[in-house]
């Protein structure tokens, strides 16, 4: 039971990390594009 809950939590945590990473990459990309158009 405990192991299953931990496994499920780890899976959720990983999904969260992945979407957060994607968001960071997206923001970084937008910032770079903005800098390009500004210069």
N, C-alpha and C. Protein backbone atom coordinates (compact mmCIF):
# COMPACT_ATOMS: atom_id res chain seq x y z
N UNK A 1 0.84 -1.20 0.00
CA UNK A 1 0.00 0.00 0.00
C UNK A 1 0.88 1.26 0.00
N UNK A 2 1.81 1.32 0.92
CA UNK A 2 2.66 2.50 1.02
C UNK A 2 3.51 2.67 -0.24
N UNK A 3 4.05 1.54 -0.71
CA UNK A 3 4.88 1.57 -1.91
C UNK A 3 4.10 2.05 -3.11
N UNK A 4 2.83 1.59 -3.21
CA UNK A 4 1.99 1.98 -4.34
C UNK A 4 1.72 3.48 -4.31
N UNK A 5 1.44 4.00 -3.11
CA UNK A 5 1.16 5.42 -2.96
C UNK A 5 2.40 6.25 -3.33
N UNK A 6 3.55 5.76 -2.90
CA UNK A 6 4.81 6.46 -3.19
C UNK A 6 5.07 6.46 -4.70
N UNK A 7 4.78 5.32 -5.32
CA UNK A 7 4.98 5.18 -6.76
C UNK A 7 4.07 6.14 -7.52
N UNK A 8 2.82 6.21 -7.08
CA UNK A 8 1.84 7.09 -7.73
C UNK A 8 2.26 8.55 -7.53
N UNK A 9 2.75 8.86 -6.33
CA UNK A 9 3.20 10.22 -6.04
C UNK A 9 4.38 10.59 -6.93
N UNK A 10 5.30 9.63 -7.07
CA UNK A 10 6.49 9.86 -7.90
C UNK A 10 6.08 10.14 -9.34
N UNK A 11 5.08 9.41 -9.82
CA UNK A 11 4.59 9.60 -11.18
C UNK A 11 3.99 10.98 -11.36
N UNK A 12 3.20 11.41 -10.38
CA UNK A 12 2.57 12.73 -10.43
C UNK A 12 3.64 13.81 -10.37
N UNK A 13 4.60 13.59 -9.50
CA UNK A 13 5.69 14.54 -9.31
C UNK A 13 6.47 14.71 -10.61
N UNK A 14 6.70 13.59 -11.29
CA UNK A 14 7.45 13.61 -12.55
C UNK A 14 6.69 14.40 -13.61
N UNK A 15 5.37 14.18 -13.66
CA UNK A 15 4.55 14.90 -14.63
C UNK A 15 4.62 16.39 -14.35
N UNK A 16 4.57 16.75 -13.08
CA UNK A 16 4.64 18.15 -12.67
C UNK A 16 5.97 18.75 -13.10
N UNK A 17 7.04 18.00 -12.84
CA UNK A 17 8.37 18.47 -13.19
C UNK A 17 8.51 18.66 -14.68
N UNK A 18 7.95 17.72 -15.44
CA UNK A 18 8.04 17.79 -16.90
C UNK A 18 7.31 19.01 -17.45
N UNK A 19 6.09 19.26 -16.94
CA UNK A 19 5.33 20.41 -17.44
C UNK A 19 5.98 21.71 -17.01
N UNK A 20 6.59 21.69 -15.82
CA UNK A 20 7.28 22.87 -15.33
C UNK A 20 8.50 23.15 -16.20
N UNK A 21 9.21 22.08 -16.56
CA UNK A 21 10.40 22.20 -17.42
C UNK A 21 10.00 22.74 -18.79
N UNK A 22 8.90 22.22 -19.32
CA UNK A 22 8.41 22.68 -20.63
C UNK A 22 8.07 24.16 -20.58
N UNK A 23 7.46 24.57 -19.46
CA UNK A 23 7.07 25.96 -19.29
C UNK A 23 8.31 26.85 -19.25
N UNK A 24 9.33 26.40 -18.51
CA UNK A 24 10.57 27.16 -18.40
C UNK A 24 11.24 27.30 -19.76
N UNK A 25 11.28 26.20 -20.51
CA UNK A 25 11.88 26.21 -21.85
C UNK A 25 11.12 27.17 -22.76
N UNK A 26 9.80 27.13 -22.65
CA UNK A 26 8.95 27.99 -23.47
C UNK A 26 9.21 29.46 -23.15
N UNK A 27 9.27 29.78 -21.86
CA UNK A 27 9.50 31.15 -21.44
C UNK A 27 10.87 31.63 -21.89
N UNK A 28 11.85 30.73 -21.76
CA UNK A 28 13.22 31.05 -22.17
C UNK A 28 13.26 31.35 -23.66
N UNK A 29 12.54 30.54 -24.43
CA UNK A 29 12.49 30.71 -25.89
C UNK A 29 11.86 32.05 -26.24
N UNK A 30 10.76 32.37 -25.55
CA UNK A 30 10.06 33.64 -25.81
C UNK A 30 10.95 34.82 -25.47
N UNK A 31 11.71 34.69 -24.38
CA UNK A 31 12.63 35.75 -23.97
C UNK A 31 13.70 35.96 -25.03
N UNK A 32 14.23 34.86 -25.55
CA UNK A 32 15.27 34.95 -26.59
C UNK A 32 14.71 35.60 -27.84
N UNK A 33 13.49 35.21 -28.22
CA UNK A 33 12.85 35.79 -29.41
C UNK A 33 12.64 37.28 -29.21
N UNK A 34 12.24 37.66 -28.01
CA UNK A 34 11.99 39.05 -27.68
C UNK A 34 13.28 39.86 -27.77
N UNK A 35 14.36 39.26 -27.26
CA UNK A 35 15.65 39.93 -27.30
C UNK A 35 16.13 40.12 -28.74
N UNK A 36 15.86 39.12 -29.56
CA UNK A 36 16.26 39.17 -30.97
C UNK A 36 15.55 40.32 -31.69
N UNK A 37 14.25 40.43 -31.45
CA UNK A 37 13.46 41.45 -32.13
C UNK A 37 13.77 42.84 -31.57
N UNK A 38 14.21 42.89 -30.32
CA UNK A 38 14.51 44.17 -29.69
C UNK A 38 15.84 44.73 -30.17
N UNK A 39 16.81 43.87 -30.41
CA UNK A 39 18.14 44.34 -30.81
C UNK A 39 18.21 44.69 -32.29
